[in-house]
Amino acid sequence: MESQEAVRALEALAQESRLGVFRLLVEAGSEGLPAGRIAERMKLPGPTLSFHLAQLKHSGLISCRREGTSLIYSAEFDAMNELVGFMTENCCGGDPAQCAPVRKVSRSKRKSRAA
């Protein structure tokens, strides 16, 4: 991944709604989600969602396919992994194993999982 591509991806993710949409699509897996379902889950009006989806698509982090009359959006996992790789490429003096991601679950997530 080139620096410009990384900047474009990070710019796309540096907005709360777009980050939420991207995380939702990552959670949905390769099947993706129709735009209407994304709007419902994110509580975003159609025009606002369209703007955010366009930004994420332009960054290469998501893709779109048509199924009948629906537009289905999916996370581009290769692009996500390239971005993570770019960010950790020179990590810890050349020992990327020390940069292994540690996932901390927020309190709100713990509460919802326990319910």
Protein backbone atom coordinates (compact mmCIF):
# COMPACT_ATOMS: atom_id res chain seq x y z
CA MET A 1 0.00 0.00 0.00
CA GLU A 2 1.27 3.43 -0.92
CA SER A 3 1.17 6.36 1.48
CA GLN A 4 -1.53 8.15 -0.55
CA GLU A 5 -3.79 5.09 -0.39
CA ALA A 6 -3.27 4.84 3.36
CA VAL A 7 -4.08 8.52 3.82
CA ARG A 8 -7.27 8.14 1.75
CA ALA A 9 -8.36 5.11 3.82
CA LEU A 10 -7.55 6.78 7.12
CA GLU A 11 -9.40 9.94 6.05
CA ALA A 12 -12.46 7.84 5.25
CA LEU A 13 -12.35 6.17 8.65
CA ALA A 14 -11.72 9.43 10.53
CA GLN A 15 -15.43 10.17 10.81
CA GLU A 16 -17.70 8.51 13.36
CA SER A 17 -20.52 7.43 11.01
CA ARG A 18 -18.15 6.07 8.36
CA LEU A 19 -16.15 4.19 10.97
CA GLY A 20 -19.41 2.73 12.28
CA VAL A 21 -20.55 1.72 8.79
CA PHE A 22 -17.19 0.11 8.07
CA ARG A 23 -17.24 -1.82 11.34
CA LEU A 24 -20.79 -2.97 10.60
CA LEU A 25 -19.73 -4.23 7.18
CA VAL A 26 -16.69 -6.00 8.64
CA GLU A 27 -19.02 -7.69 11.11
CA ALA A 28 -21.37 -8.70 8.26
CA GLY A 29 -18.55 -10.54 6.51
CA SER A 30 -18.24 -11.20 2.80
CA GLU A 31 -22.02 -11.37 2.31
CA GLY A 32 -22.29 -7.67 3.04
CA LEU A 33 -25.48 -5.74 3.72
CA PRO A 34 -28.02 -3.93 1.57
CA ALA A 35 -27.95 -0.14 1.84
CA GLY A 36 -31.39 -0.07 3.47
CA ARG A 37 -30.31 -2.35 6.28
CA ILE A 38 -27.16 -0.30 6.85
CA ALA A 39 -29.32 2.85 7.09
CA GLU A 40 -31.62 1.17 9.61
CA ARG A 41 -28.81 -0.21 11.77
CA MET A 42 -26.86 3.07 11.71
CA LYS A 43 -29.97 5.25 12.01
CA LEU A 44 -28.81 7.39 9.09
CA PRO A 45 -31.02 9.05 6.46
CA GLY A 46 -30.52 7.78 2.90
CA PRO A 47 -28.68 10.81 1.47
CA THR A 48 -26.29 10.93 4.43
CA LEU A 49 -25.59 7.22 4.18
CA SER A 50 -25.02 7.52 0.41
CA PHE A 51 -22.40 10.21 1.03
CA HIS A 52 -20.58 8.08 3.62
CA LEU A 53 -20.73 4.94 1.47
CA ALA A 54 -19.29 6.90 -1.48
CA GLN A 55 -16.38 8.08 0.68
CA LEU A 56 -15.64 4.55 1.90
CA LYS A 57 -15.93 3.16 -1.63
CA HIS A 58 -13.58 5.85 -2.99
CA SER A 59 -11.04 4.88 -0.33
CA GLY A 60 -11.17 1.24 -1.48
CA LEU A 61 -12.31 -0.03 1.93
CA ILE A 62 -15.72 -1.21 0.69
CA SER A 63 -17.23 -2.43 -2.55
CA CYS A 64 -20.74 -2.53 -3.92
CA ARG A 65 -22.63 -5.03 -6.04
CA ARG A 66 -26.16 -5.05 -7.37
CA GLU A 67 -28.55 -7.88 -6.53
CA GLY A 68 -31.84 -7.25 -8.27
CA THR A 69 -32.89 -3.79 -7.17
CA SER A 70 -30.67 -3.78 -4.05
CA LEU A 71 -27.17 -2.42 -3.67
CA ILE A 72 -25.14 -4.69 -1.40
CA TYR A 73 -22.09 -3.20 0.30
CA SER A 74 -19.20 -5.30 1.61
CA ALA A 75 -15.95 -4.60 3.41
CA GLU A 76 -12.83 -5.09 1.33
CA PHE A 77 -10.85 -7.27 3.71
CA ASP A 78 -7.70 -7.23 1.57
CA ALA A 79 -7.65 -3.42 1.69
CA MET A 80 -8.26 -3.46 5.46
CA ASN A 81 -5.40 -5.92 5.96
CA GLU A 82 -3.13 -3.85 3.71
CA LEU A 83 -3.88 -0.77 5.79
CA VAL A 84 -3.12 -2.60 9.03
CA GLY A 85 0.05 -3.98 7.45
CA PHE A 86 1.08 -0.51 6.30
CA MET A 87 0.55 0.85 9.79
CA THR A 88 2.60 -1.90 11.46
CA GLU A 89 5.23 -2.41 8.73
CA ASN A 90 8.05 -0.73 10.65
CA CYS A 91 6.66 -1.37 14.08
CA CYS A 92 8.79 -2.02 17.12
CA GLY A 93 12.18 -1.77 15.45
CA GLY A 94 11.32 -4.23 12.71
CA ASP A 95 9.72 -6.84 14.99
CA PRO A 96 6.04 -6.66 13.97
CA ALA A 97 5.16 -9.55 16.30
CA GLN A 98 5.43 -7.07 19.17
CA CYS A 99 2.72 -4.99 17.50
CA ALA A 100 0.12 -7.76 17.47
CA PRO A 101 -3.28 -6.16 17.97
CA VAL A 102 -4.79 -6.42 21.40
CA ARG A 103 -8.56 -6.17 21.35
CA LYS A 104 -10.07 -4.57 24.40
CA VAL A 105 -13.82 -4.89 24.66
CA SER A 106 -15.50 -1.71 25.84
CA ARG A 107 -17.81 -1.82 28.83
CA SER A 108 -20.87 -1.21 26.67
CA LYS A 109 -19.94 -4.18 24.47
CA ARG A 110 -19.38 -6.39 27.52
CA LYS A 111 -22.78 -5.45 28.92
CA SER A 112 -24.58 -6.17 25.64
CA ARG A 113 -22.80 -9.52 25.23
CA ALA A 114 -23.68 -10.54 28.77
CA ALA A 115 -27.37 -9.80 28.21
